[in-house]
């Protein structure tokens, strides 16, 4: 994901941060702030990375989260 590349371990934490919600449609500006805020206390560096993602990167991250939720919630 460009200069603010997210590791697999960080991706897992992002997915966990979204566990309580169900994502129907990605709304990058709102969703980006939501995820970054959820991560900020326990993972401030990851929160900063999420804030730095551009629109395309955020869309890909959202797609990953939705796919993981689809598998986990079957």
C-alpha atoms as a PDB file:
ATOM      1  CA  UNK A   1       0.000   0.000   0.000  1.00  0.00           C
ATOM      2  CA  UNK A   2       2.578   2.493  -1.042  1.00  0.00           C
ATOM      3  CA  UNK A   3       4.811   4.297   1.415  1.00  0.00           C
ATOM      4  CA  UNK A   4       2.477   3.503   4.298  1.00  0.00           C
ATOM      5  CA  UNK A   5       2.470  -0.243   3.663  1.00  0.00           C
ATOM      6  CA  UNK A   6       0.358  -2.261   6.111  1.00  0.00           C
ATOM      7  CA  UNK A   7       1.715  -5.600   7.283  1.00  0.00           C
ATOM      8  CA  UNK A   8      -0.347  -8.759   7.592  1.00  0.00           C
ATOM      9  CA  UNK A   9      -0.313  -8.445  11.387  1.00  0.00           C
ATOM     10  CA  UNK A  10      -1.547  -4.867  11.102  1.00  0.00           C
ATOM     11  CA  UNK A  11      -4.251  -5.908   8.648  1.00  0.00           C
ATOM     12  CA  UNK A  12      -5.495  -8.411  11.219  1.00  0.00           C
ATOM     13  CA  UNK A  13      -5.758  -5.616  13.792  1.00  0.00           C
ATOM     14  CA  UNK A  14      -7.647  -3.435  11.311  1.00  0.00           C
ATOM     15  CA  UNK A  15     -10.084  -6.288  10.656  1.00  0.00           C
ATOM     16  CA  UNK A  16     -10.510  -6.806  14.403  1.00  0.00           C
ATOM     17  CA  UNK A  17     -11.206  -3.106  14.870  1.00  0.00           C
ATOM     18  CA  UNK A  18     -14.181  -3.456  12.521  1.00  0.00           C
ATOM     19  CA  UNK A  19     -15.583  -6.597  14.131  1.00  0.00           C
ATOM     20  CA  UNK A  20     -18.559  -4.835  15.719  1.00  0.00           C
ATOM     21  CA  UNK A  21     -19.800  -3.314  12.463  1.00  0.00           C
ATOM     22  CA  UNK A  22     -21.059  -4.683   9.185  1.00  0.00           C
ATOM     23  CA  UNK A  23     -19.780  -2.952   6.083  1.00  0.00           C
ATOM     24  CA  UNK A  24     -22.225  -2.709   3.198  1.00  0.00           C
ATOM     25  CA  UNK A  25     -20.601   0.035   1.152  1.00  0.00           C
ATOM     26  CA  UNK A  26     -17.219   1.604   1.615  1.00  0.00           C
ATOM     27  CA  UNK A  27     -17.300   5.306   2.268  1.00  0.00           C
ATOM     28  CA  UNK A  28     -13.585   6.111   2.375  1.00  0.00           C
ATOM     29  CA  UNK A  29     -13.621   9.460   4.185  1.00  0.00           C
ATOM     30  CA  UNK A  30     -15.969   8.391   6.994  1.00  0.00           C
ATOM     31  CA  UNK A  31     -14.665   4.841   7.151  1.00  0.00           C
ATOM     32  CA  UNK A  32     -11.041   5.911   7.178  1.00  0.00           C
ATOM     33  CA  UNK A  33     -11.644   8.167  10.181  1.00  0.00           C
ATOM     34  CA  UNK A  34     -13.650   5.447  11.913  1.00  0.00           C
ATOM     35  CA  UNK A  35     -10.911   2.825  11.534  1.00  0.00           C
ATOM     36  CA  UNK A  36      -8.114   5.207  12.487  1.00  0.00           C
ATOM     37  CA  UNK A  37     -10.002   6.319  15.599  1.00  0.00           C
ATOM     38  CA  UNK A  38     -10.684   2.721  16.640  1.00  0.00           C
ATOM     39  CA  UNK A  39      -6.970   1.932  16.331  1.00  0.00           C
ATOM     40  CA  UNK A  40      -5.574   5.135  17.837  1.00  0.00           C
ATOM     41  CA  UNK A  41      -5.405   4.134  21.492  1.00  0.00           C
ATOM     42  CA  UNK A  42      -3.850   0.655  21.167  1.00  0.00           C
ATOM     43  CA  UNK A  43      -2.054   1.066  17.839  1.00  0.00           C
ATOM     44  CA  UNK A  44      -1.188   4.742  17.261  1.00  0.00           C
ATOM     45  CA  UNK A  45       1.346   4.030  14.504  1.00  0.00           C
ATOM     46  CA  UNK A  46      -1.164   1.879  12.613  1.00  0.00           C
ATOM     47  CA  UNK A  47      -3.799   4.563  13.100  1.00  0.00           C
ATOM     48  CA  UNK A  48      -1.427   7.069  11.488  1.00  0.00           C
ATOM     49  CA  UNK A  49      -0.850   4.687   8.567  1.00  0.00           C
ATOM     50  CA  UNK A  50      -4.587   4.370   7.994  1.00  0.00           C
ATOM     51  CA  UNK A  51      -4.924   8.170   8.025  1.00  0.00           C
ATOM     52  CA  UNK A  52      -2.230   8.380   5.304  1.00  0.00           C
ATOM     53  CA  UNK A  53      -3.933   5.998   2.861  1.00  0.00           C
ATOM     54  CA  UNK A  54      -5.212   7.529  -0.358  1.00  0.00           C
ATOM     55  CA  UNK A  55      -8.671   6.788  -1.754  1.00  0.00           C
ATOM     56  CA  UNK A  56      -7.638   3.776  -3.823  1.00  0.00           C
ATOM     57  CA  UNK A  57      -5.682   2.253  -0.928  1.00  0.00           C
ATOM     58  CA  UNK A  58      -8.629   2.797   1.392  1.00  0.00           C
ATOM     59  CA  UNK A  59     -10.968   1.110  -1.080  1.00  0.00           C
ATOM     60  CA  UNK A  60      -8.649  -1.905  -1.229  1.00  0.00           C
ATOM     61  CA  UNK A  61      -8.425  -2.025   2.559  1.00  0.00           C
ATOM     62  CA  UNK A  62     -12.203  -1.883   2.821  1.00  0.00           C
ATOM     63  CA  UNK A  63     -12.513  -4.704   0.291  1.00  0.00           C
ATOM     64  CA  UNK A  64     -10.138  -6.813   2.412  1.00  0.00           C
ATOM     65  CA  UNK A  65     -12.149  -6.104   5.547  1.00  0.00           C
ATOM     66  CA  UNK A  66     -15.427  -7.004   3.835  1.00  0.00           C
ATOM     67  CA  UNK A  67     -13.953 -10.247   2.482  1.00  0.00           C
ATOM     68  CA  UNK A  68     -12.632 -11.241   5.904  1.00  0.00           C
ATOM     69  CA  UNK A  69     -15.988 -10.474   7.506  1.00  0.00           C
ATOM     70  CA  UNK A  70     -17.766 -12.574   4.882  1.00  0.00           C
ATOM     71  CA  UNK A  71     -15.574 -15.571   5.734  1.00  0.00           C
ATOM     72  CA  UNK A  72     -15.730 -15.069   9.491  1.00  0.00           C
ATOM     73  CA  UNK A  73     -19.490 -14.486   9.679  1.00  0.00           C
ATOM     74  CA  UNK A  74     -20.656 -17.447   7.600  1.00  0.00           C
END
